[in-house]
Amino acid sequence: MLRLFTALPIPWDVAETLKRRQTGLPGARWRPGEALHVTLAFYGEMDERRADDLASELERAATGGPFEIALKGVGAFGDDHRSHTLWAGLEPNERLNVLAGRCRAAAERAGLRMEPRAYRPHVTLAYLKTQTNPDRIGAWITGHNLLHSPPIRVDRFGLYSSVLSDDGSHYELEREYLL
């Protein structure tokens, strides 16, 4: 079984900028630079035949030509008054939303069921342990919320596999699609 998602890679120079912000919060498991990306769609586990169908359908999503995105601000996802993920946000971008929608539509054409969740583009910076102090999380967000990257050119996206381990997820580029 393969665990798959589509994503935009983060360029090395932008990843280095983000890495400099990944400090100062006890209880944070910071994501390595090579794991930083903007998820377009998460597909979950599937067999190789379904993965091949998905990969073929994603060819149809790779249209529209290159565009630019920019990182803006930071925040946290959580539930029940507990944050579990720190992220860097993105400026609103219609082209990005359209591409994410095309990736979801490719999955549906390949026979996959997608979670009915709103698309919230972001770059996951860290996963937080349950005992992470909420005041420290708030202070970290306040200290880094002025994040604003220069434009990032998007001319491709990838289909990635994800393998879970005790050290976090390891991602492997399976196929790349030029826009």
Protein backbone atom coordinates (compact mmCIF):
# COMPACT_ATOMS: atom_id res chain seq x y z
CA MET A 1 0.00 0.00 0.00
CA LEU A 2 1.14 3.50 -0.83
CA ARG A 3 0.30 6.66 1.16
CA LEU A 4 0.19 9.52 -1.35
CA PHE A 5 -0.26 13.28 -1.60
CA THR A 6 0.42 16.04 -4.12
CA ALA A 7 2.45 19.08 -3.14
CA LEU A 8 4.50 22.05 -4.23
CA PRO A 9 8.14 21.79 -3.23
CA ILE A 10 9.62 24.69 -1.27
CA PRO A 11 12.79 26.08 -2.90
CA TRP A 12 16.01 25.59 -0.95
CA ASP A 13 16.50 29.32 -0.20
CA VAL A 14 12.97 29.69 1.18
CA ALA A 15 13.39 26.48 3.23
CA GLU A 16 16.58 27.94 4.71
CA THR A 17 14.68 31.08 5.72
CA LEU A 18 12.01 28.95 7.38
CA LYS A 19 14.64 26.81 9.13
CA ARG A 20 15.99 29.94 10.86
CA ARG A 21 12.55 30.39 12.45
CA GLN A 22 12.40 26.81 13.69
CA THR A 23 13.81 27.47 17.16
CA GLY A 24 12.82 28.70 20.58
CA LEU A 25 9.84 26.47 21.34
CA PRO A 26 10.37 23.51 23.68
CA GLY A 27 8.13 20.60 22.71
CA ALA A 28 8.23 21.36 18.97
CA ARG A 29 9.38 18.63 16.57
CA TRP A 30 10.64 20.79 13.73
CA ARG A 31 10.26 19.46 10.19
CA PRO A 32 13.53 19.14 8.24
CA GLY A 33 14.05 21.39 5.22
CA GLU A 34 13.56 18.56 2.75
CA ALA A 35 10.10 17.86 4.23
CA LEU A 36 8.81 21.42 3.80
CA HIS A 37 6.11 21.68 1.13
CA VAL A 38 2.66 23.07 0.34
CA THR A 39 0.19 20.18 0.17
CA LEU A 40 -2.28 20.37 -2.70
CA ALA A 41 -4.25 17.21 -1.85
CA PHE A 42 -3.81 14.30 0.54
CA TYR A 43 -5.04 10.99 -0.87
CA GLY A 44 -4.18 8.48 1.84
CA GLU A 45 -3.35 4.81 1.35
CA MET A 46 -4.02 2.92 -1.86
CA ASP A 47 -2.78 -0.03 -3.86
CA GLU A 48 -0.38 0.37 -6.78
CA ARG A 49 -3.09 0.01 -9.43
CA ARG A 50 -5.10 2.89 -7.96
CA ALA A 51 -1.88 4.91 -7.57
CA ASP A 52 -1.17 4.42 -11.29
CA ASP A 53 -4.71 5.59 -12.11
CA LEU A 54 -4.21 8.66 -9.93
CA ALA A 55 -0.83 9.44 -11.50
CA SER A 56 -2.41 9.32 -14.97
CA GLU A 57 -5.33 11.56 -13.94
CA LEU A 58 -2.92 14.10 -12.44
CA GLU A 59 -1.52 14.71 -15.94
CA ARG A 60 -4.81 16.53 -16.65
CA ALA A 61 -4.30 18.75 -13.57
CA ALA A 62 -0.95 20.02 -14.85
CA THR A 63 -2.29 22.94 -16.89
CA GLY A 64 -2.44 26.70 -16.64
CA GLY A 65 1.26 27.46 -16.75
CA PRO A 66 3.58 28.76 -14.03
CA PHE A 67 2.43 31.18 -11.33
CA GLU A 68 3.76 32.68 -8.10
CA ILE A 69 2.92 32.18 -4.45
CA ALA A 70 4.22 33.91 -1.31
CA LEU A 71 4.43 32.82 2.30
CA LYS A 72 2.73 35.13 4.76
CA GLY A 73 2.35 34.80 8.52
CA VAL A 74 2.44 31.83 10.86
CA GLY A 75 -0.12 30.09 13.02
CA ALA A 76 -1.18 26.85 14.66
CA PHE A 77 -3.76 24.16 14.06
CA GLY A 78 -5.33 22.45 17.02
CA ASP A 79 -8.42 21.14 18.73
CA ASP A 80 -9.91 21.21 22.22
CA HIS A 81 -7.74 24.20 23.17
CA ARG A 82 -4.52 22.36 22.30
CA SER A 83 -2.30 23.27 19.37
CA HIS A 84 -0.69 20.33 17.59
CA THR A 85 0.86 21.87 14.45
CA LEU A 86 2.76 25.08 13.66
CA TRP A 87 2.54 26.37 10.10
CA ALA A 88 3.58 29.15 7.75
CA GLY A 89 0.65 30.53 5.79
CA LEU A 90 0.33 31.68 2.19
CA GLU A 91 -1.10 34.81 0.66
CA PRO A 92 -4.50 34.15 -0.93
CA ASN A 93 -3.93 32.83 -4.45
CA GLU A 94 -6.65 31.80 -6.89
CA ARG A 95 -4.25 29.88 -9.16
CA LEU A 96 -3.09 27.80 -6.19
CA ASN A 97 -6.70 27.07 -5.21
CA VAL A 98 -7.53 26.03 -8.78
CA LEU A 99 -4.53 23.67 -8.92
CA ALA A 100 -5.50 22.10 -5.58
CA GLY A 101 -9.05 21.65 -6.90
CA ARG A 102 -7.72 19.97 -10.04
CA CYS A 103 -5.67 17.58 -7.89
CA ARG A 104 -8.80 16.69 -5.90
CA ALA A 105 -10.78 16.20 -9.11
CA ALA A 106 -8.03 13.90 -10.43
CA ALA A 107 -8.43 11.74 -7.34
CA GLU A 108 -12.18 11.55 -7.77
CA ARG A 109 -11.78 10.54 -11.44
CA ALA A 110 -9.37 7.82 -10.25
CA GLY A 111 -12.07 6.53 -7.88
CA LEU A 112 -10.68 7.88 -4.61
CA ARG A 113 -12.86 9.36 -1.89
CA MET A 114 -11.59 12.70 -0.67
CA GLU A 115 -12.26 14.17 2.77
CA PRO A 116 -14.72 17.08 2.48
CA ARG A 117 -12.38 19.58 4.10
CA ALA A 118 -11.74 23.16 3.02
CA TYR A 119 -8.36 23.76 1.42
CA ARG A 120 -6.05 25.75 3.72
CA PRO A 121 -2.67 26.09 2.04
CA HIS A 122 0.26 26.13 4.45
CA VAL A 123 3.74 24.78 5.12
CA THR A 124 3.93 22.58 8.22
CA LEU A 125 6.87 23.77 10.31
CA ALA A 126 6.52 21.60 13.43
CA TYR A 127 4.38 19.10 15.27
CA LEU A 128 3.85 19.89 18.94
CA LYS A 129 3.97 17.56 21.91
CA THR A 130 0.90 17.56 24.15
CA GLN A 131 2.77 19.25 27.00
CA THR A 132 3.89 22.24 24.91
CA ASN A 133 3.09 25.38 26.87
CA PRO A 134 0.27 27.34 25.13
CA ASP A 135 1.78 30.68 26.26
CA ARG A 136 5.09 29.75 24.62
CA ILE A 137 3.23 28.78 21.43
CA GLY A 138 1.50 32.15 21.41
CA ALA A 139 4.79 33.96 21.99
CA TRP A 140 6.44 32.03 19.13
CA ILE A 141 3.56 32.93 16.77
CA THR A 142 3.72 36.60 17.82
CA GLY A 143 7.48 36.65 17.28
CA HIS A 144 7.29 35.20 13.77
CA ASN A 145 3.93 36.36 12.41
CA LEU A 146 5.48 39.05 10.19
CA LEU A 147 6.89 36.31 7.95
CA HIS A 148 6.54 37.36 4.31
CA SER A 149 8.54 35.68 1.56
CA PRO A 150 9.44 37.10 -1.81
CA PRO A 151 7.42 35.58 -4.67
CA ILE A 152 8.04 31.86 -5.19
CA ARG A 153 7.72 30.67 -8.78
CA VAL A 154 5.59 27.55 -9.14
CA ASP A 155 6.21 25.67 -12.38
CA ARG A 156 5.65 22.09 -11.21
CA PHE A 157 4.05 19.95 -8.56
CA GLY A 158 4.80 16.44 -7.38
CA LEU A 159 3.08 13.24 -6.39
CA TYR A 160 4.78 12.12 -3.18
CA SER A 161 4.68 8.97 -1.11
CA SER A 162 4.80 9.21 2.68
CA VAL A 163 6.19 6.60 5.05
CA LEU A 164 5.41 7.08 8.74
CA SER A 165 8.09 6.35 11.32
CA ASP A 166 8.84 7.18 14.95
CA ASP A 167 10.95 10.12 13.71
CA GLY A 168 8.08 11.54 11.63
CA SER A 169 7.15 11.11 8.01
CA HIS A 170 9.64 10.53 5.21
CA TYR A 171 8.60 11.79 1.77
CA GLU A 172 9.66 10.49 -1.62
CA LEU A 173 8.91 12.18 -4.95
CA GLU A 174 7.18 9.57 -7.10
CA ARG A 175 6.28 11.67 -10.13
CA GLU A 176 6.65 15.30 -11.16
CA TYR A 177 4.21 17.33 -13.28
CA LEU A 178 5.24 20.47 -15.16
CA LEU A 179 2.69 23.25 -15.38
